[in-house]
């Protein structure tokens, strides 16, 4: 499995958090919301997650070096 560059993920995550604060401060600013959604989408694609919240958590784990899997594995489940 290919992993994204840790510095790129860190930079994108910081950008995502800054834009998140901007959108919360100015919820009616449509251009800020659009930029935030574009960044969230990129983070989702990069981290292989379906929601921005899950992608941000996965990115935080990845950047900090926490090797806990983002998704539960099928090992140990009946029929797996």
N, C-alpha and C. Protein backbone atom coordinates (compact mmCIF):
# COMPACT_ATOMS: atom_id res chain seq x y z
N UNK A 1 0.84 -1.18 0.00
CA UNK A 1 0.00 0.00 0.00
C UNK A 1 0.88 1.24 0.00
N UNK A 2 0.57 2.17 -0.87
CA UNK A 2 1.31 3.42 -0.92
C UNK A 2 0.82 4.36 0.16
N UNK A 3 1.75 5.03 0.82
CA UNK A 3 1.39 5.99 1.85
C UNK A 3 1.75 7.39 1.38
N UNK A 4 0.92 8.38 1.73
CA UNK A 4 1.21 9.75 1.31
C UNK A 4 2.40 10.31 2.09
N UNK A 5 3.01 11.33 1.53
CA UNK A 5 4.12 12.01 2.18
C UNK A 5 3.63 12.65 3.47
N UNK A 6 4.32 12.37 4.57
CA UNK A 6 3.90 12.85 5.89
C UNK A 6 3.87 14.38 5.95
N UNK A 7 4.84 15.04 5.31
CA UNK A 7 4.86 16.51 5.31
C UNK A 7 3.68 17.09 4.54
N UNK A 8 3.30 16.45 3.46
CA UNK A 8 2.14 16.91 2.68
C UNK A 8 0.87 16.76 3.50
N UNK A 9 0.71 15.64 4.19
CA UNK A 9 -0.46 15.42 5.03
C UNK A 9 -0.49 16.44 6.16
N UNK A 10 0.65 16.69 6.77
CA UNK A 10 0.72 17.67 7.86
C UNK A 10 0.32 19.06 7.38
N UNK A 11 0.85 19.47 6.24
CA UNK A 11 0.53 20.79 5.68
C UNK A 11 -0.96 20.89 5.34
N UNK A 12 -1.50 19.84 4.72
CA UNK A 12 -2.91 19.84 4.35
C UNK A 12 -3.80 19.85 5.59
N UNK A 13 -3.43 19.12 6.62
CA UNK A 13 -4.20 19.08 7.85
C UNK A 13 -4.20 20.45 8.53
N UNK A 14 -3.06 21.12 8.57
CA UNK A 14 -3.01 22.47 9.15
C UNK A 14 -3.87 23.43 8.35
N UNK A 15 -3.84 23.31 7.03
CA UNK A 15 -4.65 24.14 6.15
C UNK A 15 -6.14 23.87 6.40
N UNK A 16 -6.50 22.61 6.53
CA UNK A 16 -7.88 22.20 6.81
C UNK A 16 -8.36 22.82 8.12
N UNK A 17 -7.56 22.73 9.18
CA UNK A 17 -7.94 23.27 10.49
C UNK A 17 -8.10 24.79 10.44
N UNK A 18 -7.20 25.47 9.72
CA UNK A 18 -7.30 26.93 9.60
C UNK A 18 -8.58 27.32 8.85
N UNK A 19 -8.87 26.60 7.79
CA UNK A 19 -10.09 26.89 7.03
C UNK A 19 -11.33 26.55 7.84
N UNK A 20 -11.26 25.53 8.64
CA UNK A 20 -12.37 25.16 9.51
C UNK A 20 -12.70 26.31 10.47
N UNK A 21 -11.66 26.90 11.07
CA UNK A 21 -11.86 28.03 11.96
C UNK A 21 -12.47 29.22 11.22
N UNK A 22 -12.03 29.44 9.98
CA UNK A 22 -12.57 30.54 9.18
C UNK A 22 -14.05 30.34 8.89
N UNK A 23 -14.43 29.13 8.51
CA UNK A 23 -15.82 28.84 8.20
C UNK A 23 -16.68 28.96 9.45
N UNK A 24 -16.17 28.55 10.58
CA UNK A 24 -16.93 28.68 11.82
C UNK A 24 -17.11 30.15 12.21
N UNK A 25 -16.10 30.97 11.92
CA UNK A 25 -16.18 32.39 12.25
C UNK A 25 -17.06 33.16 11.26
N UNK A 26 -17.06 32.71 10.00
CA UNK A 26 -17.83 33.40 8.95
C UNK A 26 -18.66 32.37 8.16
N UNK A 27 -19.73 31.85 8.76
CA UNK A 27 -20.50 30.78 8.11
C UNK A 27 -21.19 31.20 6.81
N UNK A 28 -21.40 32.48 6.59
CA UNK A 28 -22.09 32.94 5.37
C UNK A 28 -21.13 33.22 4.22
N UNK A 29 -19.84 33.09 4.45
CA UNK A 29 -18.84 33.35 3.41
C UNK A 29 -18.74 32.11 2.51
N UNK A 30 -19.41 32.19 1.36
CA UNK A 30 -19.47 31.02 0.47
C UNK A 30 -18.13 30.66 -0.14
N UNK A 31 -17.29 31.63 -0.42
CA UNK A 31 -15.98 31.29 -1.00
C UNK A 31 -15.10 30.58 0.03
N UNK A 32 -15.18 30.99 1.29
CA UNK A 32 -14.43 30.30 2.35
C UNK A 32 -14.94 28.88 2.52
N UNK A 33 -16.24 28.71 2.46
CA UNK A 33 -16.83 27.37 2.59
C UNK A 33 -16.41 26.47 1.43
N UNK A 34 -16.39 27.03 0.23
CA UNK A 34 -15.98 26.26 -0.96
C UNK A 34 -14.52 25.81 -0.83
N UNK A 35 -13.64 26.72 -0.40
CA UNK A 35 -12.23 26.35 -0.22
C UNK A 35 -12.09 25.26 0.84
N UNK A 36 -12.86 25.39 1.92
CA UNK A 36 -12.82 24.40 2.99
C UNK A 36 -13.28 23.03 2.47
N UNK A 37 -14.36 23.02 1.70
CA UNK A 37 -14.86 21.76 1.15
C UNK A 37 -13.88 21.13 0.18
N UNK A 38 -13.19 21.95 -0.61
CA UNK A 38 -12.17 21.42 -1.53
C UNK A 38 -11.02 20.79 -0.74
N UNK A 39 -10.59 21.47 0.30
CA UNK A 39 -9.51 20.94 1.14
C UNK A 39 -9.95 19.66 1.84
N UNK A 40 -11.19 19.64 2.33
CA UNK A 40 -11.72 18.45 3.00
C UNK A 40 -11.76 17.26 2.04
N UNK A 41 -12.18 17.52 0.80
CA UNK A 41 -12.23 16.46 -0.21
C UNK A 41 -10.83 15.91 -0.48
N UNK A 42 -9.87 16.80 -0.63
CA UNK A 42 -8.49 16.37 -0.88
C UNK A 42 -7.97 15.52 0.27
N UNK A 43 -8.28 15.94 1.49
CA UNK A 43 -7.86 15.18 2.67
C UNK A 43 -8.51 13.80 2.69
N UNK A 44 -9.79 13.74 2.32
CA UNK A 44 -10.48 12.44 2.25
C UNK A 44 -9.82 11.50 1.25
N UNK A 45 -9.51 12.03 0.08
CA UNK A 45 -8.88 11.21 -0.96
C UNK A 45 -7.50 10.74 -0.51
N UNK A 46 -6.74 11.66 0.03
CA UNK A 46 -5.37 11.35 0.45
C UNK A 46 -5.34 10.29 1.55
N UNK A 47 -6.30 10.37 2.48
CA UNK A 47 -6.31 9.45 3.62
C UNK A 47 -7.20 8.23 3.40
N UNK A 48 -7.92 8.19 2.27
CA UNK A 48 -8.77 7.03 1.98
C UNK A 48 -9.97 6.92 2.89
N UNK A 49 -10.54 8.04 3.26
CA UNK A 49 -11.72 8.07 4.14
C UNK A 49 -12.89 8.70 3.41
N UNK A 50 -14.10 8.42 3.89
CA UNK A 50 -15.31 8.94 3.24
C UNK A 50 -15.81 10.24 3.83
N UNK A 51 -15.43 10.56 5.05
CA UNK A 51 -15.89 11.81 5.66
C UNK A 51 -14.68 12.65 6.05
N UNK A 52 -14.89 13.95 6.06
CA UNK A 52 -13.80 14.87 6.41
C UNK A 52 -13.35 14.66 7.84
N UNK A 53 -14.29 14.41 8.73
CA UNK A 53 -13.94 14.20 10.14
C UNK A 53 -13.05 12.96 10.30
N UNK A 54 -13.42 11.87 9.63
CA UNK A 54 -12.61 10.65 9.70
C UNK A 54 -11.25 10.86 9.05
N UNK A 55 -11.22 11.61 7.95
CA UNK A 55 -9.95 11.89 7.27
C UNK A 55 -9.05 12.73 8.15
N UNK A 56 -9.60 13.71 8.84
CA UNK A 56 -8.80 14.56 9.73
C UNK A 56 -8.23 13.73 10.88
N UNK A 57 -9.04 12.85 11.46
CA UNK A 57 -8.53 11.98 12.53
C UNK A 57 -7.44 11.06 12.02
N UNK A 58 -7.65 10.48 10.84
CA UNK A 58 -6.64 9.58 10.26
C UNK A 58 -5.36 10.35 9.97
N UNK A 59 -5.49 11.57 9.48
CA UNK A 59 -4.31 12.39 9.19
C UNK A 59 -3.57 12.74 10.47
N UNK A 60 -4.29 13.05 11.53
CA UNK A 60 -3.63 13.35 12.81
C UNK A 60 -2.87 12.14 13.33
N UNK A 61 -3.48 10.97 13.22
CA UNK A 61 -2.79 9.74 13.65
C UNK A 61 -1.55 9.49 12.79
N UNK A 62 -1.68 9.71 11.50
CA UNK A 62 -0.58 9.46 10.57
C UNK A 62 0.58 10.42 10.82
N UNK A 63 0.26 11.69 11.02
CA UNK A 63 1.31 12.70 11.23
C UNK A 63 2.03 12.49 12.56
N UNK A 64 1.30 12.08 13.60
CA UNK A 64 1.92 11.88 14.90
C UNK A 64 2.66 10.55 14.99
N UNK A 65 2.48 9.70 13.98
CA UNK A 65 3.20 8.43 13.99
C UNK A 65 2.46 7.32 14.69
N UNK A 66 1.23 7.56 15.10
CA UNK A 66 0.42 6.53 15.75
C UNK A 66 0.05 5.49 14.70
N UNK A 67 0.45 4.28 14.91
CA UNK A 67 0.24 3.22 13.92
C UNK A 67 -1.04 2.42 14.15
N UNK A 68 -1.96 2.93 14.95
CA UNK A 68 -3.23 2.24 15.15
C UNK A 68 -4.00 2.28 13.85
N UNK A 69 -4.52 1.15 13.37
CA UNK A 69 -5.24 1.17 12.10
C UNK A 69 -6.47 2.07 12.17
N UNK A 70 -6.71 2.79 11.08
CA UNK A 70 -7.84 3.71 11.03
C UNK A 70 -9.16 2.96 10.95
N UNK A 71 -9.15 1.79 10.35
CA UNK A 71 -10.36 0.99 10.21
C UNK A 71 -10.16 -0.34 10.91
N UNK A 72 -11.21 -0.87 11.51
CA UNK A 72 -11.07 -2.17 12.15
C UNK A 72 -10.82 -3.25 11.09
N UNK A 73 -10.02 -4.22 11.46
CA UNK A 73 -9.73 -5.32 10.54
C UNK A 73 -10.78 -6.41 10.71
N UNK A 74 -10.82 -7.31 9.77
CA UNK A 74 -11.78 -8.40 9.82
C UNK A 74 -11.27 -9.61 10.60
N UNK A 75 -10.03 -9.56 11.03
CA UNK A 75 -9.47 -10.69 11.76
C UNK A 75 -10.24 -10.92 13.06
N UNK A 76 -10.54 -12.14 13.34
CA UNK A 76 -11.21 -12.49 14.58
C UNK A 76 -12.73 -12.45 14.50
N UNK A 77 -13.27 -11.98 13.39
CA UNK A 77 -14.71 -11.95 13.23
C UNK A 77 -15.18 -13.29 12.67
N UNK A 78 -16.37 -13.74 13.09
CA UNK A 78 -16.88 -15.00 12.54
C UNK A 78 -17.03 -14.93 11.03
N UNK A 79 -16.57 -15.94 10.35
CA UNK A 79 -16.68 -16.00 8.91
C UNK A 79 -15.58 -15.28 8.16
N UNK A 80 -14.66 -14.65 8.87
CA UNK A 80 -13.59 -13.91 8.20
C UNK A 80 -12.37 -14.78 8.01
